[in-house]
Amino acid sequence: MLRPGQCLMVAVLEQAVADLESRSFNIRRKARAWFLARSARATHLFAFSRICHEFGCDPAVLRARIFASVASDTGTPHEVEERKHAGVA
């Protein structure tokens, strides 16, 4: 049985995965940055690497599996245009 803090960690991870599949380029970009965070940001209680550690998972392996399972980064033509207008394409 999960402790309350672990339940919250699972919810954070689930939301981050959902954000990777968002229609919004900016939300996807922020979610990807969360999964890839290193240094000081990675030590936060709800950082991806800390959550992996809590559940005994290898962050690199889980990250690769999650990224492989979500939609392609190239996006639809509309998303490509959205990135151009945002100045990040």
PDB file of N, CA and C in Angstrom:
ATOM      1  N   MET A   1       0.839  -1.182   0.000  1.00  0.00           N
ATOM      2  CA  MET A   1       0.000   0.000   0.000  1.00  0.00           C
ATOM      3  C   MET A   1       0.886   1.248   0.000  1.00  0.00           C
ATOM      4  N   LEU A   2       0.502   2.207  -0.803  1.00  0.00           N
ATOM      5  CA  LEU A   2       1.279   3.432  -0.907  1.00  0.00           C
ATOM      6  C   LEU A   2       0.986   4.379   0.246  1.00  0.00           C
ATOM      7  N   ARG A   3       2.028   5.057   0.691  1.00  0.00           N
ATOM      8  CA  ARG A   3       1.876   6.109   1.690  1.00  0.00           C
ATOM      9  C   ARG A   3       1.306   7.349   0.991  1.00  0.00           C
ATOM     10  N   PRO A   4       0.710   8.279   1.747  1.00  0.00           N
ATOM     11  CA  PRO A   4       0.134   9.475   1.120  1.00  0.00           C
ATOM     12  C   PRO A   4       1.133  10.243   0.243  1.00  0.00           C
ATOM     13  N   GLY A   5       2.378  10.393   0.703  1.00  0.00           N
ATOM     14  CA  GLY A   5       3.387  11.091  -0.102  1.00  0.00           C
ATOM     15  C   GLY A   5       3.680  10.367  -1.407  1.00  0.00           C
ATOM     16  N   GLN A   6       3.666   9.054  -1.367  1.00  0.00           N
ATOM     17  CA  GLN A   6       3.899   8.276  -2.579  1.00  0.00           C
ATOM     18  C   GLN A   6       2.727   8.413  -3.548  1.00  0.00           C
ATOM     19  N   CYS A   7       1.514   8.479  -3.006  1.00  0.00           N
ATOM     20  CA  CYS A   7       0.343   8.692  -3.870  1.00  0.00           C
ATOM     21  C   CYS A   7       0.457  10.025  -4.609  1.00  0.00           C
ATOM     22  N   LEU A   8       0.928  11.042  -3.895  1.00  0.00           N
ATOM     23  CA  LEU A   8       1.114  12.348  -4.525  1.00  0.00           C
ATOM     24  C   LEU A   8       2.203  12.277  -5.593  1.00  0.00           C
ATOM     25  N   MET A   9       3.270  11.547  -5.318  1.00  0.00           N
ATOM     26  CA  MET A   9       4.333  11.376  -6.317  1.00  0.00           C
ATOM     27  C   MET A   9       3.802  10.701  -7.578  1.00  0.00           C
ATOM     28  N   VAL A  10       2.977   9.684  -7.413  1.00  0.00           N
ATOM     29  CA  VAL A  10       2.386   8.996  -8.565  1.00  0.00           C
ATOM     30  C   VAL A  10       1.512   9.977  -9.353  1.00  0.00           C
ATOM     31  N   ALA A  11       0.737  10.802  -8.649  1.00  0.00           N
ATOM     32  CA  ALA A  11      -0.114  11.783  -9.323  1.00  0.00           C
ATOM     33  C   ALA A  11       0.720  12.798 -10.110  1.00  0.00           C
ATOM     34  N   VAL A  12       1.833  13.240  -9.538  1.00  0.00           N
ATOM     35  CA  VAL A  12       2.723  14.177 -10.226  1.00  0.00           C
ATOM     36  C   VAL A  12       3.273  13.530 -11.501  1.00  0.00           C
ATOM     37  N   LEU A  13       3.699  12.293 -11.395  1.00  0.00           N
ATOM     38  CA  LEU A  13       4.227  11.575 -12.557  1.00  0.00           C
ATOM     39  C   LEU A  13       3.153  11.390 -13.622  1.00  0.00           C
ATOM     40  N   GLU A  14       1.963  11.013 -13.211  1.00  0.00           N
ATOM     41  CA  GLU A  14       0.866  10.838 -14.168  1.00  0.00           C
ATOM     42  C   GLU A  14       0.556  12.144 -14.893  1.00  0.00           C
ATOM     43  N   GLN A  15       0.543  13.252 -14.150  1.00  0.00           N
ATOM     44  CA  GLN A  15       0.268  14.544 -14.783  1.00  0.00           C
ATOM     45  C   GLN A  15       1.367  14.927 -15.762  1.00  0.00           C
ATOM     46  N   ALA A  16       2.605  14.652 -15.399  1.00  0.00           N
ATOM     47  CA  ALA A  16       3.718  14.969 -16.300  1.00  0.00           C
ATOM     48  C   ALA A  16       3.619  14.169 -17.592  1.00  0.00           C
ATOM     49  N   VAL A  17       3.238  12.907 -17.497  1.00  0.00           N
ATOM     50  CA  VAL A  17       3.060  12.086 -18.707  1.00  0.00           C
ATOM     51  C   VAL A  17       1.917  12.660 -19.540  1.00  0.00           C
ATOM     52  N   ALA A  18       0.813  13.026 -18.893  1.00  0.00           N
ATOM     53  CA  ALA A  18      -0.304  13.634 -19.621  1.00  0.00           C
ATOM     54  C   ALA A  18       0.137  14.931 -20.290  1.00  0.00           C
ATOM     55  N   ASP A  19       0.967  15.714 -19.593  1.00  0.00           N
ATOM     56  CA  ASP A  19       1.460  16.972 -20.161  1.00  0.00           C
ATOM     57  C   ASP A  19       2.335  16.736 -21.384  1.00  0.00           C
ATOM     58  N   LEU A  20       3.064  15.637 -21.419  1.00  0.00           N
ATOM     59  CA  LEU A  20       3.868  15.315 -22.606  1.00  0.00           C
ATOM     60  C   LEU A  20       2.996  15.086 -23.826  1.00  0.00           C
ATOM     61  N   GLU A  21       1.744  14.743 -23.601  1.00  0.00           N
ATOM     62  CA  GLU A  21       0.812  14.483 -24.696  1.00  0.00           C
ATOM     63  C   GLU A  21      -0.144  15.649 -24.935  1.00  0.00           C
ATOM     64  N   SER A  22       0.113  16.766 -24.283  1.00  0.00           N
ATOM     65  CA  SER A  22      -0.746  17.942 -24.409  1.00  0.00           C
ATOM     66  C   SER A  22      -0.755  18.470 -25.841  1.00  0.00           C
ATOM     67  N   ARG A  23      -1.811  19.151 -26.190  1.00  0.00           N
ATOM     68  CA  ARG A  23      -1.883  19.805 -27.499  1.00  0.00           C
ATOM     69  C   ARG A  23      -1.037  21.072 -27.518  1.00  0.00           C
ATOM     70  N   SER A  24      -0.721  21.590 -26.340  1.00  0.00           N
ATOM     71  CA  SER A  24       0.065  22.817 -26.226  1.00  0.00           C
ATOM     72  C   SER A  24       1.562  22.505 -26.263  1.00  0.00           C
ATOM     73  N   PHE A  25       2.248  23.143 -27.179  1.00  0.00           N
ATOM     74  CA  PHE A  25       3.694  22.950 -27.291  1.00  0.00           C
ATOM     75  C   PHE A  25       4.399  23.372 -25.999  1.00  0.00           C
ATOM     76  N   ASN A  26       3.980  24.499 -25.414  1.00  0.00           N
ATOM     77  CA  ASN A  26       4.644  24.989 -24.205  1.00  0.00           C
ATOM     78  C   ASN A  26       4.481  24.030 -23.029  1.00  0.00           C
ATOM     79  N   ILE A  27       3.315  23.437 -22.886  1.00  0.00           N
ATOM     80  CA  ILE A  27       3.108  22.459 -21.815  1.00  0.00           C
ATOM     81  C   ILE A  27       3.983  21.240 -22.050  1.00  0.00           C
ATOM     82  N   ARG A  28       4.039  20.766 -23.297  1.00  0.00           N
ATOM     83  CA  ARG A  28       4.902  19.612 -23.612  1.00  0.00           C
ATOM     84  C   ARG A  28       6.362  19.937 -23.334  1.00  0.00           C
ATOM     85  N   ARG A  29       6.784  21.147 -23.687  1.00  0.00           N
ATOM     86  CA  ARG A  29       8.176  21.569 -23.474  1.00  0.00           C
ATOM     87  C   ARG A  29       8.519  21.592 -21.988  1.00  0.00           C
ATOM     88  N   LYS A  30       7.621  22.122 -21.166  1.00  0.00           N
ATOM     89  CA  LYS A  30       7.857  22.174 -19.717  1.00  0.00           C
ATOM     90  C   LYS A  30       7.872  20.777 -19.104  1.00  0.00           C
ATOM     91  N   ALA A  31       6.991  19.907 -19.580  1.00  0.00           N
ATOM     92  CA  ALA A  31       6.973  18.533 -19.064  1.00  0.00           C
ATOM     93  C   ALA A  31       8.275  17.826 -19.421  1.00  0.00           C
ATOM     94  N   ARG A  32       8.718  18.001 -20.650  1.00  0.00           N
ATOM     95  CA  ARG A  32       9.973  17.369 -21.079  1.00  0.00           C
ATOM     96  C   ARG A  32      11.138  17.875 -20.223  1.00  0.00           C
ATOM     97  N   ALA A  33      11.151  19.165 -19.939  1.00  0.00           N
ATOM     98  CA  ALA A  33      12.213  19.738 -19.091  1.00  0.00           C
ATOM     99  C   ALA A  33      12.169  19.131 -17.692  1.00  0.00           C
ATOM    100  N   TRP A  34      10.969  18.871 -17.167  1.00  0.00           N
ATOM    101  CA  TRP A  34      10.843  18.261 -15.845  1.00  0.00           C
ATOM    102  C   TRP A  34      11.451  16.864 -15.854  1.00  0.00           C
ATOM    103  N   PHE A  35      11.167  16.088 -16.901  1.00  0.00           N
ATOM    104  CA  PHE A  35      11.727  14.737 -16.993  1.00  0.00           C
ATOM    105  C   PHE A  35      13.251  14.758 -17.140  1.00  0.00           C
ATOM    106  N   LEU A  36      13.779  15.798 -17.741  1.00  0.00           N
ATOM    107  CA  LEU A  36      15.219  15.874 -18.020  1.00  0.00           C
ATOM    108  C   LEU A  36      16.003  16.687 -16.996  1.00  0.00           C
ATOM    109  N   ALA A  37      15.334  17.236 -15.987  1.00  0.00           N
ATOM    110  CA  ALA A  37      15.974  18.138 -15.021  1.00  0.00           C
ATOM    111  C   ALA A  37      17.184  17.493 -14.357  1.00  0.00           C
ATOM    112  N   ARG A  38      18.219  18.297 -14.196  1.00  0.00           N
ATOM    113  CA  ARG A  38      19.439  17.879 -13.517  1.00  0.00           C
ATOM    114  C   ARG A  38      19.761  18.917 -12.441  1.00  0.00           C
ATOM    115  N   SER A  39      20.777  18.692 -11.700  1.00  0.00           N
ATOM    116  CA  SER A  39      21.317  19.615 -10.676  1.00  0.00           C
ATOM    117  C   SER A  39      20.305  19.957  -9.585  1.00  0.00           C
ATOM    118  N   ALA A  40      20.235  21.226  -9.213  1.00  0.00           N
ATOM    119  CA  ALA A  40      19.433  21.655  -8.065  1.00  0.00           C
ATOM    120  C   ALA A  40      17.958  21.323  -8.233  1.00  0.00           C
ATOM    121  N   ARG A  41      17.435  21.485  -9.440  1.00  0.00           N
ATOM    122  CA  ARG A  41      16.012  21.198  -9.652  1.00  0.00           C
ATOM    123  C   ARG A  41      15.711  19.719  -9.448  1.00  0.00           C
ATOM    124  N   ALA A  42      16.670  18.870  -9.706  1.00  0.00           N
ATOM    125  CA  ALA A  42      16.451  17.430  -9.584  1.00  0.00           C
ATOM    126  C   ALA A  42      16.422  16.961  -8.137  1.00  0.00           C
ATOM    127  N   THR A  43      16.779  17.815  -7.193  1.00  0.00           N
ATOM    128  CA  THR A  43      16.761  17.410  -5.791  1.00  0.00           C
ATOM    129  C   THR A  43      15.435  17.747  -5.113  1.00  0.00           C
ATOM    130  N   HIS A  44      14.572  18.446  -5.789  1.00  0.00           N
ATOM    131  CA  HIS A  44      13.260  18.792  -5.248  1.00  0.00           C
ATOM    132  C   HIS A  44      12.484  17.515  -4.924  1.00  0.00           C
ATOM    133  N   LEU A  45      11.670  17.553  -3.903  1.00  0.00           N
ATOM    134  CA  LEU A  45      10.925  16.382  -3.447  1.00  0.00           C
ATOM    135  C   LEU A  45      10.130  15.715  -4.570  1.00  0.00           C
ATOM    136  N   PHE A  46       9.575  16.508  -5.473  1.00  0.00           N
ATOM    137  CA  PHE A  46       8.764  15.950  -6.548  1.00  0.00           C
ATOM    138  C   PHE A  46       9.465  15.988  -7.901  1.00  0.00           C
ATOM    139  N   ALA A  47      10.781  16.005  -7.888  1.00  0.00           N
ATOM    140  CA  ALA A  47      11.554  15.912  -9.124  1.00  0.00           C
ATOM    141  C   ALA A  47      11.467  14.480  -9.657  1.00  0.00           C
ATOM    142  N   PHE A  48      11.568  14.354 -10.959  1.00  0.00           N
ATOM    143  CA  PHE A  48      11.470  13.038 -11.587  1.00  0.00           C
ATOM    144  C   PHE A  48      12.470  12.053 -10.992  1.00  0.00           C
ATOM    145  N   SER A  49      13.717  12.470 -10.835  1.00  0.00           N
ATOM    146  CA  SER A  49      14.739  11.557 -10.313  1.00  0.00           C
ATOM    147  C   SER A  49      14.437  11.133  -8.875  1.00  0.00           C
ATOM    148  N   ARG A  50      13.891  12.040  -8.068  1.00  0.00           N
ATOM    149  CA  ARG A  50      13.527  11.694  -6.686  1.00  0.00           C
ATOM    150  C   ARG A  50      12.365  10.711  -6.653  1.00  0.00           C
ATOM    151  N   ILE A  51      11.397  10.904  -7.536  1.00  0.00           N
ATOM    152  CA  ILE A  51      10.264   9.983  -7.604  1.00  0.00           C
ATOM    153  C   ILE A  51      10.751   8.595  -8.025  1.00  0.00           C
ATOM    154  N   CYS A  52      11.623   8.547  -9.011  1.00  0.00           N
ATOM    155  CA  CYS A  52      12.185   7.259  -9.440  1.00  0.00           C
ATOM    156  C   CYS A  52      12.905   6.577  -8.278  1.00  0.00           C
ATOM    157  N   HIS A  53      13.701   7.339  -7.564  1.00  0.00           N
ATOM    158  CA  HIS A  53      14.438   6.790  -6.428  1.00  0.00           C
ATOM    159  C   HIS A  53      13.483   6.219  -5.377  1.00  0.00           C
ATOM    160  N   GLU A  54      12.413   6.934  -5.115  1.00  0.00           N
ATOM    161  CA  GLU A  54      11.427   6.491  -4.118  1.00  0.00           C
ATOM    162  C   GLU A  54      10.850   5.116  -4.452  1.00  0.00           C
ATOM    163  N   PHE A  55      10.677   4.852  -5.752  1.00  0.00           N
ATOM    164  CA  PHE A  55      10.064   3.594  -6.174  1.00  0.00           C
ATOM    165  C   PHE A  55      11.085   2.579  -6.710  1.00  0.00           C
ATOM    166  N   GLY A  56      12.363   2.905  -6.588  1.00  0.00           N
ATOM    167  CA  GLY A  56      13.402   1.968  -6.998  1.00  0.00           C
ATOM    168  C   GLY A  56      13.523   1.797  -8.503  1.00  0.00           C
ATOM    169  N   CYS A  57      13.223   2.854  -9.244  1.00  0.00           N
ATOM    170  CA  CYS A  57      13.311   2.816 -10.708  1.00  0.00           C
ATOM    171  C   CYS A  57      14.560   3.554 -11.181  1.00  0.00           C
ATOM    172  N   ASP A  58      15.114   3.107 -12.285  1.00  0.00           N
ATOM    173  CA  ASP A  58      16.223   3.815 -12.926  1.00  0.00           C
ATOM    174  C   ASP A  58      15.632   4.964 -13.736  1.00  0.00           C
ATOM    175  N   PRO A  59      15.962   6.225 -13.402  1.00  0.00           N
ATOM    176  CA  PRO A  59      15.377   7.357 -14.129  1.00  0.00           C
ATOM    177  C   PRO A  59      15.616   7.309 -15.637  1.00  0.00           C
ATOM    178  N   ALA A  60      16.798   6.915 -16.057  1.00  0.00           N
ATOM    179  CA  ALA A  60      17.099   6.883 -17.492  1.00  0.00           C
ATOM    180  C   ALA A  60      16.229   5.868 -18.222  1.00  0.00           C
ATOM    181  N   VAL A  61      16.031   4.716 -17.609  1.00  0.00           N
ATOM    182  CA  VAL A  61      15.214   3.671 -18.238  1.00  0.00           C
ATOM    183  C   VAL A  61      13.751   4.100 -18.295  1.00  0.00           C
ATOM    184  N   LEU A  62      13.232   4.598 -17.179  1.00  0.00           N
ATOM    185  CA  LEU A  62      11.828   5.009 -17.151  1.00  0.00           C
ATOM    186  C   LEU A  62      11.589   6.178 -18.096  1.00  0.00           C
ATOM    187  N   ARG A  63      12.507   7.149 -18.107  1.00  0.00           N
ATOM    188  CA  ARG A  63      12.397   8.301 -19.000  1.00  0.00           C
ATOM    189  C   ARG A  63      12.344   7.844 -20.457  1.00  0.00           C
ATOM    190  N   ALA A  64      13.223   6.940 -20.833  1.00  0.00           N
ATOM    191  CA  ALA A  64      13.251   6.451 -22.208  1.00  0.00           C
ATOM    192  C   ALA A  64      11.942   5.745 -22.564  1.00  0.00           C
ATOM    193  N   ARG A  65      11.421   4.959 -21.641  1.00  0.00           N
ATOM    194  CA  ARG A  65      10.151   4.253 -21.899  1.00  0.00           C
ATOM    195  C   ARG A  65       8.991   5.231 -22.037  1.00  0.00           C
ATOM    196  N   ILE A  66       8.969   6.231 -21.180  1.00  0.00           N
ATOM    197  CA  ILE A  66       7.890   7.222 -21.252  1.00  0.00           C
ATOM    198  C   ILE A  66       7.977   8.002 -22.551  1.00  0.00           C
ATOM    199  N   PHE A  67       9.159   8.494 -22.892  1.00  0.00           N
ATOM    200  CA  PHE A  67       9.315   9.263 -24.126  1.00  0.00           C
ATOM    201  C   PHE A  67       8.963   8.427 -25.352  1.00  0.00           C
ATOM    202  N   ALA A  68       9.301   7.147 -25.323  1.00  0.00           N
ATOM    203  CA  ALA A  68       8.985   6.272 -26.460  1.00  0.00           C
ATOM    204  C   ALA A  68       7.484   6.038 -26.585  1.00  0.00           C
ATOM    205  N   SER A  69       6.776   6.128 -25.468  1.00  0.00           N
ATOM    206  CA  SER A  69       5.349   5.812 -25.493  1.00  0.00           C
ATOM    207  C   SER A  69       4.457   7.001 -25.838  1.00  0.00           C
ATOM    208  N   VAL A  70       4.982   8.212 -25.759  1.00  0.00           N
ATOM    209  CA  VAL A  70       4.150   9.389 -26.023  1.00  0.00           C
ATOM    210  C   VAL A  70       4.243   9.797 -27.481  1.00  0.00           C
ATOM    211  N   ALA A  71       3.404  10.720 -27.848  1.00  0.00           N
ATOM    212  CA  ALA A  71       3.333  11.185 -29.235  1.00  0.00           C
ATOM    213  C   ALA A  71       4.670  11.773 -29.683  1.00  0.00           C
ATOM    214  N   SER A  72       4.878  11.762 -30.963  1.00  0.00           N
ATOM    215  CA  SER A  72       6.098  12.280 -31.575  1.00  0.00           C
ATOM    216  C   SER A  72       6.280  13.759 -31.266  1.00  0.00           C
ATOM    217  N   ASP A  73       7.535  14.185 -31.130  1.00  0.00           N
ATOM    218  CA  ASP A  73       7.849  15.589 -30.864  1.00  0.00           C
ATOM    219  C   ASP A  73       7.608  16.486 -32.073  1.00  0.00           C
ATOM    220  N   THR A  74       7.515  15.908 -33.260  1.00  0.00           N
ATOM    221  CA  THR A  74       7.355  16.738 -34.448  1.00  0.00           C
ATOM    222  C   THR A  74       6.003  17.403 -34.471  1.00  0.00           C
ATOM    223  N   GLY A  75       4.959  16.730 -34.018  1.00  0.00           N
ATOM    224  CA  GLY A  75       3.632  17.306 -33.917  1.00  0.00           C
ATOM    225  C   GLY A  75       2.926  17.451 -35.241  1.00  0.00           C
ATOM    226  N   THR A  76       1.711  17.969 -35.156  1.00  0.00           N
ATOM    227  CA  THR A  76       0.889  18.194 -36.337  1.00  0.00           C
ATOM    228  C   THR A  76       1.328  19.485 -37.010  1.00  0.00           C
ATOM    229  N   PRO A  77       0.888  19.718 -38.239  1.00  0.00           N
ATOM    230  CA  PRO A  77       1.241  20.993 -38.886  1.00  0.00           C
ATOM    231  C   PRO A  77       0.809  22.196 -38.056  1.00  0.00           C
ATOM    232  N   HIS A  78      -0.340  22.100 -37.385  1.00  0.00           N
ATOM    233  CA  HIS A  78      -0.793  23.194 -36.529  1.00  0.00           C
ATOM    234  C   HIS A  78       0.199  23.446 -35.398  1.00  0.00           C
ATOM    235  N   GLU A  79       0.717  22.382 -34.792  1.00  0.00           N
ATOM    236  CA  GLU A  79       1.684  22.526 -33.700  1.00  0.00           C
ATOM    237  C   GLU A  79       2.994  23.123 -34.193  1.00  0.00           C
ATOM    238  N   VAL A  80       3.399  22.767 -35.394  1.00  0.00           N
ATOM    239  CA  VAL A  80       4.614  23.348 -35.966  1.00  0.00           C
ATOM    240  C   VAL A  80       4.433  24.849 -36.131  1.00  0.00           C
ATOM    241  N   GLU A  81       3.270  25.266 -36.628  1.00  0.00           N
ATOM    242  CA  GLU A  81       2.979  26.693 -36.771  1.00  0.00           C
ATOM    243  C   GLU A  81       2.941  27.378 -35.410  1.00  0.00           C
ATOM    244  N   GLU A  82       2.357  26.706 -34.432  1.00  0.00           N
ATOM    245  CA  GLU A  82       2.289  27.251 -33.073  1.00  0.00           C
ATOM    246  C   GLU A  82       3.697  27.523 -32.543  1.00  0.00           C
ATOM    247  N   ARG A  83       4.629  26.599 -32.783  1.00  0.00           N
ATOM    248  CA  ARG A  83       6.013  26.787 -32.333  1.00  0.00           C
ATOM    249  C   ARG A  83       6.656  27.952 -33.053  1.00  0.00           C
ATOM    250  N   LYS A  84       6.400  28.099 -34.350  1.00  0.00           N
ATOM    251  CA  LYS A  84       6.985  29.213 -35.101  1.00  0.00           C
ATOM    252  C   LYS A  84       6.515  30.552 -34.532  1.00  0.00           C
ATOM    253  N   HIS A  85       5.226  30.657 -34.227  1.00  0.00           N
ATOM    254  CA  HIS A  85       4.689  31.898 -33.676  1.00  0.00           C
ATOM    255  C   HIS A  85       5.217  32.160 -32.280  1.00  0.00           C
ATOM    256  N   ALA A  86       5.531  31.113 -31.549  1.00  0.00           N
ATOM    257  CA  ALA A  86       6.071  31.266 -30.194  1.00  0.00           C
ATOM    258  C   ALA A  86       7.564  31.574 -30.230  1.00  0.00           C
ATOM    259  N   GLY A  87       8.163  31.471 -31.418  1.00  0.00           N
ATOM    260  CA  GLY A  87       9.575  31.763 -31.562  1.00  0.00           C
ATOM    261  C   GLY A  87      10.489  30.647 -31.094  1.00  0.00           C
ATOM    262  N   VAL A  88       9.979  29.410 -31.061  1.00  0.00           N
ATOM    263  CA  VAL A  88      10.800  28.291 -30.598  1.00  0.00           C
ATOM    264  C   VAL A  88      10.985  27.234 -31.678  1.00  0.00           C
ATOM    265  N   ALA A  89      10.579  27.518 -32.889  1.00  0.00           N
ATOM    266  CA  ALA A  89      10.746  26.531 -33.957  1.00  0.00           C
ATOM    267  C   ALA A  89      12.047  26.752 -34.676  1.00  0.00           C
TER     268      ALA A  89
END
